[in-house]
Structures are given as structure tokens and as C-alpha cells.
Amino acid sequence: MTRTFRPAVYIVASKPNGTIYVGVTSNLPRRAWQHREGEIEGFTQTYGCKLLVWYEMHSTMEHAITREKQLKGGSRKRKLGLIEEGNPQWRDLFAEICS
């Protein structure tokens, strides 16, 4: 797994059109793996959000946090639209970010 600092905003889901969670991290491969393995206690573990279905890389953590807040403050419909636009099959993108 990559260990370089690369700020990212991401969405994990329990299943297609299921429960979704928006997060921010400096190491997307590591964080996605933690969600997959259920290592992060709280919302994502409780609701089984293990599929990385959308992500967006940023140049700084400040930009990533601003974007995360924007998405968290937006509607579920808007979040689903982002996923559907870039990943209409709701594939797990974990392998894509680890290659």
C-alpha cells in the first residue's frame, strides 16, 4: 500500500444505493483498507460501509477538508449523483487505488 501523503475525500457504501459515508484522509489506500476490514469503530463499522465507491484527490489537506464539509452538508441525492456519474456500477474501487 502507498504510504505517501495524498489528501483525498472519499465515499464508502454498504452496498449499491445503501448507506453511505463521506470521509477525508491523507492516505486513501490505508483508510479504504481499514473500512474494508471494519477497523474503524463508529458509523461505518455499524452500518457495514466497506465499499470504496467514489474518491477525489486534493493538493492540500485544507482543500480536502473543505470539500468533505461541502459534501457532508449536501443532500444524499447529490452524493449519489457523484457516485453514479463516476461509478454507475458501484464497483469497489479499492483495487484501483492500490495499483
N, C-alpha and C. Protein backbone atom coordinates (compact mmCIF):
# COMPACT_ATOMS: atom_id res chain seq x y z
N MET A 1 0.83 -1.19 0.00
CA MET A 1 0.00 0.00 0.00
C MET A 1 0.87 1.25 0.00
N THR A 2 0.42 2.25 -0.71
CA THR A 2 1.14 3.51 -0.80
C THR A 2 1.12 4.22 0.56
N ARG A 3 2.26 4.79 0.95
CA ARG A 3 2.34 5.48 2.21
C ARG A 3 2.61 6.97 2.04
N THR A 4 2.42 7.47 0.85
CA THR A 4 2.67 8.89 0.61
C THR A 4 1.46 9.71 1.04
N PHE A 5 1.74 10.95 1.40
CA PHE A 5 0.71 11.87 1.84
C PHE A 5 -0.02 12.40 0.61
N ARG A 6 -1.27 12.01 0.44
CA ARG A 6 -2.10 12.49 -0.67
C ARG A 6 -3.51 12.69 -0.14
N PRO A 7 -3.86 13.91 0.18
CA PRO A 7 -5.19 14.18 0.72
C PRO A 7 -6.29 13.75 -0.25
N ALA A 8 -7.33 13.15 0.30
CA ALA A 8 -8.45 12.68 -0.51
C ALA A 8 -9.75 12.76 0.27
N VAL A 9 -10.82 12.99 -0.46
CA VAL A 9 -12.18 12.87 0.06
C VAL A 9 -12.73 11.61 -0.58
N TYR A 10 -13.50 10.85 0.17
CA TYR A 10 -13.98 9.57 -0.36
C TYR A 10 -15.38 9.26 0.15
N ILE A 11 -16.03 8.34 -0.55
CA ILE A 11 -17.33 7.83 -0.11
C ILE A 11 -17.23 6.31 -0.07
N VAL A 12 -17.61 5.73 1.07
CA VAL A 12 -17.75 4.29 1.19
C VAL A 12 -19.22 3.97 1.36
N ALA A 13 -19.62 2.79 0.89
CA ALA A 13 -21.02 2.39 0.93
C ALA A 13 -21.16 0.98 1.44
N SER A 14 -22.34 0.66 1.98
CA SER A 14 -22.62 -0.69 2.45
C SER A 14 -22.97 -1.62 1.28
N LYS A 15 -23.58 -1.05 0.24
CA LYS A 15 -23.98 -1.77 -0.97
C LYS A 15 -24.47 -0.72 -1.96
N PRO A 16 -24.71 -1.10 -3.21
CA PRO A 16 -25.25 -0.12 -4.16
C PRO A 16 -26.54 0.51 -3.61
N ASN A 17 -26.58 1.83 -3.62
CA ASN A 17 -27.72 2.60 -3.11
C ASN A 17 -28.00 2.35 -1.63
N GLY A 18 -27.02 1.86 -0.90
CA GLY A 18 -27.17 1.60 0.52
C GLY A 18 -26.72 2.78 1.36
N THR A 19 -26.33 2.49 2.57
CA THR A 19 -25.82 3.51 3.48
C THR A 19 -24.48 4.00 2.96
N ILE A 20 -24.28 5.32 2.99
CA ILE A 20 -23.02 5.89 2.52
C ILE A 20 -22.39 6.76 3.60
N TYR A 21 -21.07 6.92 3.50
CA TYR A 21 -20.32 7.73 4.44
C TYR A 21 -19.28 8.53 3.66
N VAL A 22 -19.17 9.80 3.95
CA VAL A 22 -18.17 10.68 3.35
C VAL A 22 -17.06 10.90 4.37
N GLY A 23 -15.81 10.74 3.92
CA GLY A 23 -14.68 10.94 4.81
C GLY A 23 -13.54 11.65 4.11
N VAL A 24 -12.52 11.98 4.90
CA VAL A 24 -11.31 12.62 4.38
C VAL A 24 -10.11 11.90 5.00
N THR A 25 -9.03 11.80 4.24
CA THR A 25 -7.84 11.11 4.72
C THR A 25 -6.60 11.62 3.99
N SER A 26 -5.45 11.36 4.57
CA SER A 26 -4.19 11.68 3.91
C SER A 26 -3.59 10.44 3.24
N ASN A 27 -4.20 9.28 3.46
CA ASN A 27 -3.70 8.03 2.89
C ASN A 27 -4.89 7.16 2.50
N LEU A 28 -5.39 7.34 1.29
CA LEU A 28 -6.61 6.66 0.86
C LEU A 28 -6.49 5.13 0.85
N PRO A 29 -5.42 4.55 0.33
CA PRO A 29 -5.34 3.09 0.36
C PRO A 29 -5.43 2.52 1.79
N ARG A 30 -4.72 3.13 2.71
CA ARG A 30 -4.77 2.65 4.10
C ARG A 30 -6.16 2.81 4.69
N ARG A 31 -6.78 3.98 4.49
CA ARG A 31 -8.10 4.22 5.07
C ARG A 31 -9.16 3.31 4.46
N ALA A 32 -9.11 3.10 3.14
CA ALA A 32 -10.07 2.20 2.49
C ALA A 32 -9.91 0.78 3.03
N TRP A 33 -8.66 0.36 3.25
CA TRP A 33 -8.41 -0.98 3.81
C TRP A 33 -8.99 -1.07 5.22
N GLN A 34 -8.82 -0.02 6.02
CA GLN A 34 -9.37 -0.01 7.38
C GLN A 34 -10.89 -0.14 7.35
N HIS A 35 -11.54 0.53 6.42
CA HIS A 35 -13.00 0.40 6.31
C HIS A 35 -13.37 -1.02 5.88
N ARG A 36 -12.66 -1.57 4.92
CA ARG A 36 -12.94 -2.93 4.43
C ARG A 36 -12.84 -3.97 5.55
N GLU A 37 -11.86 -3.77 6.41
CA GLU A 37 -11.61 -4.72 7.50
C GLU A 37 -12.41 -4.42 8.76
N GLY A 38 -13.19 -3.35 8.75
CA GLY A 38 -14.00 -3.00 9.91
C GLY A 38 -13.18 -2.49 11.08
N GLU A 39 -12.01 -1.93 10.81
CA GLU A 39 -11.11 -1.48 11.86
C GLU A 39 -11.46 -0.11 12.43
N ILE A 40 -12.31 0.63 11.76
CA ILE A 40 -12.66 1.97 12.24
C ILE A 40 -14.01 1.88 12.96
N GLU A 41 -13.96 2.05 14.27
CA GLU A 41 -15.19 1.97 15.05
C GLU A 41 -16.09 3.16 14.74
N GLY A 42 -17.36 2.95 14.87
CA GLY A 42 -18.31 4.03 14.66
C GLY A 42 -19.28 3.73 13.53
N PHE A 43 -19.67 4.78 12.84
CA PHE A 43 -20.72 4.72 11.83
C PHE A 43 -20.45 3.67 10.76
N THR A 44 -19.27 3.71 10.15
CA THR A 44 -19.00 2.81 9.02
C THR A 44 -18.96 1.36 9.45
N GLN A 45 -18.47 1.10 10.65
CA GLN A 45 -18.44 -0.27 11.15
C GLN A 45 -19.87 -0.74 11.47
N THR A 46 -20.64 0.10 12.12
CA THR A 46 -22.02 -0.23 12.49
C THR A 46 -22.88 -0.54 11.27
N TYR A 47 -22.71 0.26 10.21
CA TYR A 47 -23.57 0.12 9.03
C TYR A 47 -22.91 -0.65 7.88
N GLY A 48 -21.74 -1.21 8.10
CA GLY A 48 -21.10 -2.05 7.10
C GLY A 48 -20.66 -1.33 5.84
N CYS A 49 -20.23 -0.08 5.98
CA CYS A 49 -19.76 0.69 4.82
C CYS A 49 -18.33 0.27 4.50
N LYS A 50 -18.18 -0.65 3.57
CA LYS A 50 -16.87 -1.21 3.25
C LYS A 50 -16.43 -1.00 1.81
N LEU A 51 -17.34 -0.60 0.95
CA LEU A 51 -17.03 -0.45 -0.47
C LEU A 51 -16.62 0.98 -0.79
N LEU A 52 -15.42 1.16 -1.30
CA LEU A 52 -14.98 2.48 -1.75
C LEU A 52 -15.63 2.72 -3.12
N VAL A 53 -16.60 3.62 -3.18
CA VAL A 53 -17.36 3.82 -4.42
C VAL A 53 -17.07 5.15 -5.11
N TRP A 54 -16.38 6.06 -4.42
CA TRP A 54 -16.05 7.36 -5.02
C TRP A 54 -14.90 7.97 -4.25
N TYR A 55 -14.02 8.67 -4.96
CA TYR A 55 -12.97 9.43 -4.28
C TYR A 55 -12.52 10.58 -5.16
N GLU A 56 -11.87 11.54 -4.51
CA GLU A 56 -11.38 12.73 -5.19
C GLU A 56 -10.09 13.14 -4.49
N MET A 57 -9.00 13.23 -5.24
CA MET A 57 -7.71 13.61 -4.69
C MET A 57 -7.60 15.14 -4.64
N HIS A 58 -6.85 15.65 -3.65
CA HIS A 58 -6.67 17.09 -3.48
C HIS A 58 -5.20 17.42 -3.27
N SER A 59 -4.85 18.67 -3.55
CA SER A 59 -3.46 19.09 -3.42
C SER A 59 -3.07 19.38 -1.98
N THR A 60 -4.03 19.77 -1.16
CA THR A 60 -3.74 20.04 0.25
C THR A 60 -4.85 19.46 1.13
N MET A 61 -4.49 19.20 2.39
CA MET A 61 -5.49 18.69 3.33
C MET A 61 -6.56 19.75 3.58
N GLU A 62 -6.18 21.01 3.56
CA GLU A 62 -7.15 22.09 3.75
C GLU A 62 -8.24 22.03 2.67
N HIS A 63 -7.83 21.85 1.42
CA HIS A 63 -8.81 21.74 0.33
C HIS A 63 -9.69 20.50 0.51
N ALA A 64 -9.07 19.39 0.91
CA ALA A 64 -9.83 18.15 1.09
C ALA A 64 -10.87 18.30 2.20
N ILE A 65 -10.49 18.92 3.29
CA ILE A 65 -11.42 19.11 4.41
C ILE A 65 -12.57 20.04 4.01
N THR A 66 -12.26 21.08 3.26
CA THR A 66 -13.30 21.98 2.78
C THR A 66 -14.29 21.23 1.90
N ARG A 67 -13.78 20.40 1.01
CA ARG A 67 -14.65 19.61 0.12
C ARG A 67 -15.47 18.59 0.91
N GLU A 68 -14.86 17.95 1.89
CA GLU A 68 -15.59 16.98 2.72
C GLU A 68 -16.76 17.67 3.41
N LYS A 69 -16.53 18.83 3.98
CA LYS A 69 -17.60 19.57 4.66
C LYS A 69 -18.71 19.94 3.67
N GLN A 70 -18.30 20.33 2.46
CA GLN A 70 -19.29 20.67 1.43
C GLN A 70 -20.17 19.45 1.12
N LEU A 71 -19.54 18.30 0.95
CA LEU A 71 -20.31 17.10 0.62
C LEU A 71 -21.18 16.64 1.79
N LYS A 72 -20.62 16.67 2.99
CA LYS A 72 -21.40 16.26 4.16
C LYS A 72 -22.60 17.16 4.37
N GLY A 73 -22.47 18.44 4.00
CA GLY A 73 -23.57 19.38 4.16
C GLY A 73 -24.60 19.30 3.04
N GLY A 74 -24.27 18.58 1.99
CA GLY A 74 -25.17 18.45 0.85
C GLY A 74 -26.15 17.30 1.01
N SER A 75 -27.00 17.19 0.05
CA SER A 75 -28.05 16.16 0.10
C SER A 75 -27.52 14.78 -0.29
N ARG A 76 -28.24 13.77 0.14
CA ARG A 76 -27.91 12.39 -0.26
C ARG A 76 -28.01 12.27 -1.79
N LYS A 77 -28.99 12.94 -2.37
CA LYS A 77 -29.17 12.88 -3.82
C LYS A 77 -27.91 13.36 -4.55
N ARG A 78 -27.32 14.43 -4.06
CA ARG A 78 -26.09 14.97 -4.67
C ARG A 78 -24.94 13.97 -4.55
N LYS A 79 -24.81 13.34 -3.39
CA LYS A 79 -23.75 12.34 -3.18
C LYS A 79 -23.97 11.14 -4.10
N LEU A 80 -25.21 10.70 -4.21
CA LEU A 80 -25.50 9.57 -5.10
C LEU A 80 -25.19 9.95 -6.54
N GLY A 81 -25.45 11.20 -6.90
CA GLY A 81 -25.15 11.68 -8.25
C GLY A 81 -23.66 11.61 -8.55
N LEU A 82 -22.82 11.98 -7.58
CA LEU A 82 -21.36 11.88 -7.77
C LEU A 82 -20.94 10.44 -8.02
N ILE A 83 -21.50 9.54 -7.22
CA ILE A 83 -21.16 8.12 -7.37
C ILE A 83 -21.63 7.62 -8.74
N GLU A 84 -22.87 7.88 -9.07
CA GLU A 84 -23.44 7.39 -10.33
C GLU A 84 -22.70 7.95 -11.55
N GLU A 85 -22.25 9.19 -11.46
CA GLU A 85 -21.54 9.81 -12.57
C GLU A 85 -20.20 9.13 -12.84
N GLY A 86 -19.47 8.84 -11.79
CA GLY A 86 -18.13 8.27 -11.97
C GLY A 86 -18.05 6.76 -11.83
N ASN A 87 -19.06 6.16 -11.22
CA ASN A 87 -19.02 4.73 -10.94
C ASN A 87 -20.44 4.16 -10.96
N PRO A 88 -21.09 4.16 -12.12
CA PRO A 88 -22.51 3.77 -12.18
C PRO A 88 -22.79 2.33 -11.75
N GLN A 89 -21.79 1.47 -11.79
CA GLN A 89 -21.99 0.08 -11.34
C GLN A 89 -21.73 -0.09 -9.85
N TRP A 90 -21.32 0.99 -9.18
CA TRP A 90 -20.99 0.95 -7.75
C TRP A 90 -19.91 -0.10 -7.47
N ARG A 91 -18.92 -0.17 -8.37
CA ARG A 91 -17.80 -1.10 -8.15
C ARG A 91 -16.99 -0.66 -6.94
N ASP A 92 -16.37 -1.61 -6.28
CA ASP A 92 -15.43 -1.29 -5.21
C ASP A 92 -14.14 -0.85 -5.87
N LEU A 93 -13.71 0.37 -5.64
CA LEU A 93 -12.56 0.95 -6.30
C LEU A 93 -11.24 0.70 -5.54
N PHE A 94 -11.28 -0.13 -4.54
CA PHE A 94 -10.09 -0.38 -3.73
C PHE A 94 -8.90 -0.85 -4.57
N ALA A 95 -9.11 -1.82 -5.45
CA ALA A 95 -8.02 -2.34 -6.28
C ALA A 95 -7.43 -1.24 -7.17
N GLU A 96 -8.29 -0.34 -7.62
CA GLU A 96 -7.85 0.77 -8.48
C GLU A 96 -6.86 1.70 -7.77
N ILE A 97 -7.10 1.96 -6.51
CA ILE A 97 -6.21 2.89 -5.80
C ILE A 97 -4.96 2.21 -5.26
N CYS A 98 -4.93 0.90 -5.26
CA CYS A 98 -3.76 0.17 -4.74
C CYS A 98 -2.82 -0.27 -5.84
N SER A 99 -3.18 -0.02 -7.10
CA SER A 99 -2.30 -0.47 -8.20
C SER A 99 -1.30 0.58 -8.59
